[in-house]
């Protein structure tokens, strides 16, 4: 069997784009939680406010995290004879990393502690929206 010597540019670009889209989804989830609980943010956000840079930083971090989560197992399994492991393990690691990133992002920025809300009791004091499943961590 002939060994491929060209780098997998197409797979890397698609993984980077998929990770960036997952990061945008994590941002939208956290934004929806803050909007549901009417979290009171600063009236005039500054350049150093965490919510000012949340969207672009989340998209970039998720894109490169996803790329690393796919590339590391793909490189480690490159010389294996079992082809199905090469096709199965990198996407599973990618999905696990994106799920972990979305949960951490939601718990950290989607439900901020110590910030008031304006919902008159619809959300708890920890700013968890009522639509969030109780079995998922916050």
Protein backbone atom coordinates (compact mmCIF):
# COMPACT_ATOMS: atom_id res chain seq x y z
CA UNK A 1 0.00 0.00 0.00
CA UNK A 2 1.31 3.41 -0.92
CA UNK A 3 1.68 5.91 1.90
CA UNK A 4 0.18 9.36 1.50
CA UNK A 5 2.80 12.08 1.85
CA UNK A 6 0.59 15.12 1.28
CA UNK A 7 -0.67 16.88 4.40
CA UNK A 8 -4.44 16.59 4.98
CA UNK A 9 -5.26 20.26 4.31
CA UNK A 10 -8.90 19.66 3.48
CA UNK A 11 -9.62 17.74 6.68
CA UNK A 12 -7.76 20.32 8.77
CA UNK A 13 -9.65 23.25 7.23
CA UNK A 14 -13.00 21.52 7.67
CA UNK A 15 -12.15 20.71 11.28
CA UNK A 16 -11.14 24.31 11.97
CA UNK A 17 -14.41 25.57 10.45
CA UNK A 18 -16.49 22.99 12.36
CA UNK A 19 -14.77 23.99 15.60
CA UNK A 20 -15.41 27.67 14.92
CA UNK A 21 -19.09 26.92 14.26
CA UNK A 22 -19.27 24.95 17.52
CA UNK A 23 -17.70 27.93 19.29
CA UNK A 24 -20.31 30.24 17.80
CA UNK A 25 -23.00 27.83 19.03
CA UNK A 26 -21.50 27.89 22.54
CA UNK A 27 -21.49 31.69 22.45
CA UNK A 28 -25.13 31.81 21.35
CA UNK A 29 -26.11 29.35 24.11
CA UNK A 30 -24.45 31.47 26.78
CA UNK A 31 -25.90 34.66 25.33
CA UNK A 32 -29.41 33.14 25.31
CA UNK A 33 -29.03 32.13 28.97
CA UNK A 34 -27.97 35.63 29.98
CA UNK A 35 -30.81 37.14 27.95
CA UNK A 36 -33.38 34.75 29.46
CA UNK A 37 -32.29 35.60 32.99
CA UNK A 38 -31.94 39.30 32.12
CA UNK A 39 -28.46 39.43 33.60
CA UNK A 40 -27.62 43.03 34.37
CA UNK A 41 -24.46 43.91 32.49
CA UNK A 42 -22.64 47.20 32.61
CA UNK A 43 -24.53 49.96 30.84
CA UNK A 44 -21.44 51.13 28.97
CA UNK A 45 -19.10 48.17 28.45
CA UNK A 46 -15.43 48.98 28.29
CA UNK A 47 -12.73 47.56 26.09
CA UNK A 48 -11.67 45.25 28.94
CA UNK A 49 -15.15 43.91 29.69
CA UNK A 50 -15.27 40.12 29.20
CA UNK A 51 -18.51 40.28 27.20
CA UNK A 52 -16.99 42.71 24.70
CA UNK A 53 -14.58 40.09 23.35
CA UNK A 54 -16.61 36.97 24.14
CA UNK A 55 -17.83 36.15 20.63
CA UNK A 56 -14.55 36.39 18.66
CA UNK A 57 -12.48 34.76 21.41
CA UNK A 58 -14.93 31.88 21.79
CA UNK A 59 -14.97 31.23 18.04
CA UNK A 60 -11.15 31.34 17.81
CA UNK A 61 -10.60 29.20 20.91
CA UNK A 62 -13.11 26.58 19.80
CA UNK A 63 -11.70 26.47 16.28
CA UNK A 64 -8.15 25.82 17.42
CA UNK A 65 -9.22 23.52 20.26
CA UNK A 66 -11.20 21.45 17.78
CA UNK A 67 -8.29 21.36 15.37
CA UNK A 68 -5.94 20.16 18.11
CA UNK A 69 -8.50 17.63 19.38
CA UNK A 70 -8.78 16.14 15.91
CA UNK A 71 -5.11 16.35 14.90
CA UNK A 72 -3.50 14.79 17.98
CA UNK A 73 -5.27 11.41 17.75
CA UNK A 74 -5.02 11.48 13.95
CA UNK A 75 -1.24 11.85 14.13
CA UNK A 76 -0.89 9.24 16.89
CA UNK A 77 -2.98 6.71 14.93
CA UNK A 78 -1.42 7.44 11.53
CA UNK A 79 0.66 4.27 11.33
CA UNK A 80 -2.04 1.87 12.54
CA UNK A 81 -3.14 -0.87 10.20
CA UNK A 82 -6.72 -0.76 11.44
CA UNK A 83 -8.26 1.89 9.22
CA UNK A 84 -11.52 2.10 11.17
CA UNK A 85 -9.66 3.44 14.23
CA UNK A 86 -8.23 6.25 12.11
CA UNK A 87 -11.74 7.17 10.97
CA UNK A 88 -13.52 6.76 14.32
CA UNK A 89 -11.32 8.07 17.13
CA UNK A 90 -10.42 11.62 15.89
CA UNK A 91 -14.07 12.66 15.33
CA UNK A 92 -15.08 11.22 18.72
CA UNK A 93 -12.29 13.18 20.45
CA UNK A 94 -13.32 16.30 18.50
CA UNK A 95 -16.96 15.98 19.57
CA UNK A 96 -15.99 15.35 23.21
CA UNK A 97 -13.75 18.42 23.22
CA UNK A 98 -16.45 20.63 21.69
CA UNK A 99 -19.05 19.37 24.18
CA UNK A 100 -16.70 20.02 27.10
CA UNK A 101 -15.90 23.50 25.77
CA UNK A 102 -19.60 24.36 25.39
CA UNK A 103 -20.40 23.19 28.94
CA UNK A 104 -17.47 25.07 30.47
CA UNK A 105 -18.34 28.20 28.48
CA UNK A 106 -21.97 28.01 29.60
CA UNK A 107 -21.04 27.47 33.24
CA UNK A 108 -18.45 30.23 33.24
CA UNK A 109 -19.92 32.98 31.05
CA UNK A 110 -23.53 31.93 30.53
CA UNK A 111 -24.44 31.81 34.21
CA UNK A 112 -22.24 34.42 35.90
CA UNK A 113 -22.25 34.38 39.69
CA UNK A 114 -22.51 37.57 41.67
CA UNK A 115 -24.29 39.43 38.88
CA UNK A 116 -27.84 40.61 39.44
CA UNK A 117 -30.76 39.72 37.22
CA UNK A 118 -33.99 41.46 36.39
CA UNK A 119 -36.44 38.54 36.03
CA UNK A 120 -38.47 38.82 39.25
CA UNK A 121 -37.73 35.26 40.36
CA UNK A 122 -37.91 33.39 37.03
CA UNK A 123 -34.22 32.55 37.29
CA UNK A 124 -32.43 31.42 40.41
CA UNK A 125 -29.69 33.47 42.06
CA UNK A 126 -27.03 31.56 40.12
CA UNK A 127 -28.58 32.79 36.82
CA UNK A 128 -29.46 29.34 35.44
CA UNK A 129 -32.38 29.71 33.00
CA UNK A 130 -35.47 27.54 33.52
CA UNK A 131 -35.03 25.82 30.14
CA UNK A 132 -31.58 24.42 31.06
CA UNK A 133 -31.83 20.67 31.89
CA UNK A 134 -31.19 19.93 35.53
CA UNK A 135 -29.02 16.89 34.78
CA UNK A 136 -26.42 19.01 32.96
CA UNK A 137 -23.85 20.86 35.07
CA UNK A 138 -23.88 24.62 35.43
